[in-house]
Amino acid sequence: MKEYDLYVPLSNNDGTPIDAQKLKDLKKRLVDHFGGLTHFPQENEGLWKVGAFTFRDKIVILRVLASDPLEAQAFFAELKKEMQRNCAQEDVLIVVRDVQTV
């Protein structure tokens, strides 16, 4: 089984807030596809450097579990492209881990 953490930006690259409905729609899509999710609603700050400039981003994390890693990988590859396009992001971080449930 794989665990996927989707780091969802709360603003576009130009600093404007992402429409709250987009987050609701994303959560529904993940629940419909994977059967559930965990939403970590606390705001987190991401920092990264490109050259001499430090970028800052506010994000929340959505986590899903997937029993079919190949199918999930394809799903998240497409979702990442959509989020980059629809949320005006240079990149979207998606972390995957092997997990074992008890």
N, C-alpha and C. Protein backbone atom coordinates (compact mmCIF):
# COMPACT_ATOMS: atom_id res chain seq x y z
N MET A 1 0.85 -1.17 0.00
CA MET A 1 0.00 0.00 0.00
C MET A 1 0.90 1.24 0.00
N LYS A 2 0.43 2.27 -0.67
CA LYS A 2 1.16 3.54 -0.75
C LYS A 2 0.32 4.64 -0.10
N GLU A 3 1.05 5.58 0.47
CA GLU A 3 0.44 6.77 1.07
C GLU A 3 0.92 7.97 0.26
N TYR A 4 -0.01 8.83 -0.12
CA TYR A 4 0.31 10.02 -0.91
C TYR A 4 -0.07 11.26 -0.13
N ASP A 5 0.89 12.17 0.03
CA ASP A 5 0.63 13.48 0.63
C ASP A 5 0.67 14.51 -0.48
N LEU A 6 -0.43 15.20 -0.63
CA LEU A 6 -0.56 16.25 -1.63
C LEU A 6 -0.47 17.60 -0.91
N TYR A 7 0.56 18.36 -1.22
CA TYR A 7 0.77 19.67 -0.61
C TYR A 7 0.01 20.69 -1.46
N VAL A 8 -1.10 21.16 -0.93
CA VAL A 8 -2.02 22.01 -1.70
C VAL A 8 -1.74 23.48 -1.38
N PRO A 9 -1.34 24.26 -2.37
CA PRO A 9 -1.09 25.68 -2.14
C PRO A 9 -2.39 26.42 -1.85
N LEU A 10 -2.29 27.40 -0.96
CA LEU A 10 -3.46 28.20 -0.60
C LEU A 10 -3.52 29.51 -1.39
N SER A 11 -2.50 29.73 -2.24
CA SER A 11 -2.52 30.92 -3.09
C SER A 11 -1.87 30.60 -4.42
N ASN A 12 -2.23 31.39 -5.41
CA ASN A 12 -1.61 31.29 -6.72
C ASN A 12 -0.22 31.90 -6.64
N ASN A 13 0.60 31.68 -7.67
CA ASN A 13 1.95 32.24 -7.67
C ASN A 13 1.94 33.76 -7.60
N ASP A 14 0.87 34.39 -8.05
CA ASP A 14 0.81 35.85 -7.98
C ASP A 14 0.35 36.34 -6.61
N GLY A 15 0.11 35.42 -5.67
CA GLY A 15 -0.27 35.80 -4.31
C GLY A 15 -1.76 35.84 -4.05
N THR A 16 -2.59 35.77 -5.08
CA THR A 16 -4.03 35.79 -4.86
C THR A 16 -4.48 34.46 -4.25
N PRO A 17 -5.43 34.50 -3.32
CA PRO A 17 -5.88 33.26 -2.68
C PRO A 17 -6.56 32.32 -3.67
N ILE A 18 -6.36 31.04 -3.46
CA ILE A 18 -7.06 30.03 -4.26
C ILE A 18 -8.50 29.98 -3.79
N ASP A 19 -9.42 29.93 -4.71
CA ASP A 19 -10.84 29.85 -4.40
C ASP A 19 -11.10 28.64 -3.50
N ALA A 20 -11.80 28.85 -2.39
CA ALA A 20 -12.10 27.78 -1.44
C ALA A 20 -12.85 26.63 -2.11
N GLN A 21 -13.63 26.92 -3.14
CA GLN A 21 -14.37 25.87 -3.83
C GLN A 21 -13.42 24.90 -4.53
N LYS A 22 -12.27 25.38 -4.99
CA LYS A 22 -11.28 24.50 -5.62
C LYS A 22 -10.79 23.45 -4.64
N LEU A 23 -10.56 23.85 -3.38
CA LEU A 23 -10.12 22.90 -2.37
C LEU A 23 -11.24 21.89 -2.08
N LYS A 24 -12.47 22.37 -1.97
CA LYS A 24 -13.61 21.46 -1.75
C LYS A 24 -13.73 20.46 -2.90
N ASP A 25 -13.62 20.95 -4.12
CA ASP A 25 -13.72 20.08 -5.30
C ASP A 25 -12.59 19.05 -5.33
N LEU A 26 -11.39 19.48 -4.96
CA LEU A 26 -10.25 18.57 -4.93
C LEU A 26 -10.46 17.47 -3.89
N LYS A 27 -10.93 17.85 -2.71
CA LYS A 27 -11.20 16.87 -1.67
C LYS A 27 -12.25 15.86 -2.12
N LYS A 28 -13.31 16.34 -2.75
CA LYS A 28 -14.36 15.44 -3.24
C LYS A 28 -13.79 14.48 -4.29
N ARG A 29 -12.99 15.00 -5.17
CA ARG A 29 -12.38 14.17 -6.22
C ARG A 29 -11.52 13.06 -5.62
N LEU A 30 -10.72 13.40 -4.61
CA LEU A 30 -9.87 12.41 -3.96
C LEU A 30 -10.69 11.36 -3.22
N VAL A 31 -11.73 11.80 -2.52
CA VAL A 31 -12.60 10.85 -1.81
C VAL A 31 -13.30 9.94 -2.81
N ASP A 32 -13.82 10.52 -3.90
CA ASP A 32 -14.50 9.70 -4.92
C ASP A 32 -13.54 8.67 -5.53
N HIS A 33 -12.30 9.07 -5.73
CA HIS A 33 -11.34 8.18 -6.40
C HIS A 33 -10.72 7.14 -5.46
N PHE A 34 -10.35 7.58 -4.25
CA PHE A 34 -9.61 6.70 -3.34
C PHE A 34 -10.46 6.18 -2.17
N GLY A 35 -11.67 6.69 -2.04
CA GLY A 35 -12.56 6.21 -0.98
C GLY A 35 -12.40 6.92 0.34
N GLY A 36 -11.51 7.88 0.43
CA GLY A 36 -11.32 8.64 1.67
C GLY A 36 -10.07 9.49 1.59
N LEU A 37 -9.90 10.33 2.59
CA LEU A 37 -8.70 11.15 2.70
C LEU A 37 -8.58 11.65 4.12
N THR A 38 -7.39 12.13 4.44
CA THR A 38 -7.16 12.86 5.68
C THR A 38 -6.72 14.25 5.29
N HIS A 39 -7.38 15.25 5.87
CA HIS A 39 -7.07 16.65 5.58
C HIS A 39 -6.37 17.22 6.81
N PHE A 40 -5.16 17.70 6.62
CA PHE A 40 -4.42 18.38 7.68
C PHE A 40 -4.63 19.88 7.45
N PRO A 41 -5.66 20.46 8.09
CA PRO A 41 -6.05 21.83 7.76
C PRO A 41 -5.15 22.92 8.31
N GLN A 42 -4.24 22.57 9.23
CA GLN A 42 -3.36 23.62 9.75
C GLN A 42 -2.51 24.15 8.61
N GLU A 43 -2.39 25.45 8.58
CA GLU A 43 -1.60 26.09 7.54
C GLU A 43 -0.12 25.82 7.79
N ASN A 44 0.59 25.40 6.76
CA ASN A 44 2.03 25.17 6.84
C ASN A 44 2.72 26.13 5.89
N GLU A 45 3.97 26.44 6.18
CA GLU A 45 4.73 27.32 5.31
C GLU A 45 5.87 26.53 4.68
N GLY A 46 5.96 26.64 3.37
CA GLY A 46 7.07 26.04 2.64
C GLY A 46 8.03 27.12 2.20
N LEU A 47 9.31 26.84 2.29
CA LEU A 47 10.34 27.78 1.87
C LEU A 47 11.31 27.05 0.96
N TRP A 48 11.72 27.69 -0.12
CA TRP A 48 12.75 27.12 -0.99
C TRP A 48 13.45 28.25 -1.72
N LYS A 49 14.73 28.01 -2.02
CA LYS A 49 15.56 29.01 -2.66
C LYS A 49 15.78 28.67 -4.12
N VAL A 50 15.73 29.71 -4.93
CA VAL A 50 16.12 29.63 -6.33
C VAL A 50 17.08 30.80 -6.53
N GLY A 51 18.33 30.47 -6.68
CA GLY A 51 19.34 31.52 -6.76
C GLY A 51 19.41 32.27 -5.44
N ALA A 52 19.31 33.58 -5.51
CA ALA A 52 19.37 34.41 -4.30
C ALA A 52 17.99 34.70 -3.72
N PHE A 53 16.94 34.22 -4.36
CA PHE A 53 15.58 34.54 -3.93
C PHE A 53 14.98 33.37 -3.15
N THR A 54 14.33 33.67 -2.02
CA THR A 54 13.64 32.66 -1.23
C THR A 54 12.14 32.79 -1.47
N PHE A 55 11.52 31.70 -1.90
CA PHE A 55 10.08 31.66 -2.11
C PHE A 55 9.40 31.14 -0.85
N ARG A 56 8.20 31.66 -0.56
CA ARG A 56 7.40 31.21 0.57
C ARG A 56 6.01 30.86 0.06
N ASP A 57 5.47 29.80 0.61
CA ASP A 57 4.14 29.36 0.19
C ASP A 57 3.39 28.83 1.40
N LYS A 58 2.12 29.14 1.49
CA LYS A 58 1.24 28.58 2.51
C LYS A 58 0.51 27.40 1.88
N ILE A 59 0.50 26.27 2.61
CA ILE A 59 -0.12 25.06 2.07
C ILE A 59 -0.90 24.34 3.16
N VAL A 60 -1.80 23.45 2.73
CA VAL A 60 -2.40 22.43 3.58
C VAL A 60 -2.06 21.08 2.94
N ILE A 61 -2.19 20.01 3.72
CA ILE A 61 -1.83 18.69 3.23
C ILE A 61 -3.05 17.79 3.19
N LEU A 62 -3.23 17.11 2.06
CA LEU A 62 -4.26 16.09 1.90
C LEU A 62 -3.56 14.76 1.72
N ARG A 63 -3.99 13.74 2.48
CA ARG A 63 -3.35 12.42 2.43
C ARG A 63 -4.37 11.37 2.03
N VAL A 64 -3.95 10.49 1.12
CA VAL A 64 -4.77 9.35 0.72
C VAL A 64 -3.93 8.08 0.76
N LEU A 65 -4.61 6.94 0.89
CA LEU A 65 -3.99 5.63 0.80
C LEU A 65 -4.46 4.97 -0.48
N ALA A 66 -3.55 4.27 -1.14
CA ALA A 66 -3.89 3.61 -2.41
C ALA A 66 -3.33 2.19 -2.42
N SER A 67 -4.16 1.24 -2.79
CA SER A 67 -3.72 -0.15 -2.86
C SER A 67 -3.16 -0.50 -4.24
N ASP A 68 -3.44 0.34 -5.25
CA ASP A 68 -2.92 0.11 -6.60
C ASP A 68 -1.96 1.24 -6.95
N PRO A 69 -0.66 1.07 -6.67
CA PRO A 69 0.29 2.15 -6.87
C PRO A 69 0.44 2.62 -8.31
N LEU A 70 0.33 1.72 -9.28
CA LEU A 70 0.46 2.15 -10.68
C LEU A 70 -0.69 3.05 -11.09
N GLU A 71 -1.88 2.69 -10.70
CA GLU A 71 -3.06 3.50 -11.03
C GLU A 71 -2.97 4.85 -10.30
N ALA A 72 -2.58 4.81 -9.02
CA ALA A 72 -2.47 6.05 -8.24
C ALA A 72 -1.40 6.97 -8.82
N GLN A 73 -0.28 6.41 -9.25
CA GLN A 73 0.79 7.21 -9.84
C GLN A 73 0.29 7.94 -11.09
N ALA A 74 -0.47 7.25 -11.92
CA ALA A 74 -1.03 7.88 -13.12
C ALA A 74 -2.02 8.97 -12.74
N PHE A 75 -2.86 8.70 -11.76
CA PHE A 75 -3.84 9.68 -11.29
C PHE A 75 -3.13 10.95 -10.81
N PHE A 76 -2.11 10.78 -9.96
CA PHE A 76 -1.43 11.95 -9.40
C PHE A 76 -0.58 12.68 -10.43
N ALA A 77 -0.05 11.99 -11.41
CA ALA A 77 0.69 12.67 -12.48
C ALA A 77 -0.23 13.62 -13.24
N GLU A 78 -1.43 13.15 -13.55
CA GLU A 78 -2.41 13.99 -14.25
C GLU A 78 -2.90 15.12 -13.34
N LEU A 79 -3.18 14.80 -12.08
CA LEU A 79 -3.66 15.82 -11.13
C LEU A 79 -2.61 16.92 -10.96
N LYS A 80 -1.36 16.54 -10.89
CA LYS A 80 -0.29 17.53 -10.74
C LYS A 80 -0.28 18.51 -11.91
N LYS A 81 -0.40 18.00 -13.13
CA LYS A 81 -0.45 18.88 -14.31
C LYS A 81 -1.64 19.83 -14.23
N GLU A 82 -2.80 19.30 -13.85
CA GLU A 82 -4.00 20.13 -13.74
C GLU A 82 -3.83 21.22 -12.69
N MET A 83 -3.26 20.86 -11.53
CA MET A 83 -3.07 21.84 -10.47
C MET A 83 -2.07 22.92 -10.88
N GLN A 84 -1.02 22.53 -11.57
CA GLN A 84 -0.06 23.52 -12.04
C GLN A 84 -0.74 24.52 -12.98
N ARG A 85 -1.59 24.00 -13.84
CA ARG A 85 -2.28 24.84 -14.81
C ARG A 85 -3.39 25.67 -14.14
N ASN A 86 -4.25 25.01 -13.36
CA ASN A 86 -5.44 25.67 -12.81
C ASN A 86 -5.15 26.56 -11.60
N CYS A 87 -4.05 26.31 -10.91
CA CYS A 87 -3.71 27.10 -9.72
C CYS A 87 -2.50 27.99 -9.96
N ALA A 88 -2.09 28.09 -11.21
CA ALA A 88 -0.96 28.94 -11.60
C ALA A 88 0.26 28.65 -10.73
N GLN A 89 0.64 27.37 -10.65
CA GLN A 89 1.79 26.95 -9.85
C GLN A 89 2.92 26.48 -10.76
N GLU A 90 4.14 26.79 -10.38
CA GLU A 90 5.30 26.28 -11.09
C GLU A 90 5.44 24.77 -10.85
N ASP A 91 5.14 24.36 -9.62
CA ASP A 91 5.23 22.95 -9.26
C ASP A 91 4.28 22.67 -8.11
N VAL A 92 3.91 21.41 -7.95
CA VAL A 92 3.06 20.95 -6.85
C VAL A 92 3.75 19.73 -6.26
N LEU A 93 3.95 19.75 -4.95
CA LEU A 93 4.66 18.65 -4.29
C LEU A 93 3.69 17.53 -3.93
N ILE A 94 4.02 16.33 -4.35
CA ILE A 94 3.27 15.13 -3.98
C ILE A 94 4.31 14.12 -3.49
N VAL A 95 4.16 13.69 -2.24
CA VAL A 95 5.11 12.77 -1.62
C VAL A 95 4.44 11.40 -1.51
N VAL A 96 5.18 10.36 -1.83
CA VAL A 96 4.66 8.99 -1.77
C VAL A 96 5.54 8.16 -0.85
N ARG A 97 4.88 7.33 -0.03
CA ARG A 97 5.59 6.45 0.89
C ARG A 97 4.95 5.08 0.89
N ASP A 98 5.76 4.06 1.14
CA ASP A 98 5.24 2.73 1.39
C ASP A 98 4.69 2.71 2.82
N VAL A 99 3.52 2.12 2.99
CA VAL A 99 2.94 2.00 4.34
C VAL A 99 2.39 0.60 4.52
N GLN A 100 2.29 0.24 5.76
CA GLN A 100 1.67 -1.01 6.12
C GLN A 100 0.64 -0.69 7.20
N THR A 101 -0.59 -1.13 7.01
CA THR A 101 -1.62 -0.87 8.01
C THR A 101 -1.74 -2.07 8.94
N VAL A 102 -2.24 -1.83 10.14
CA VAL A 102 -2.40 -2.88 11.14
C VAL A 102 -3.87 -3.25 11.24
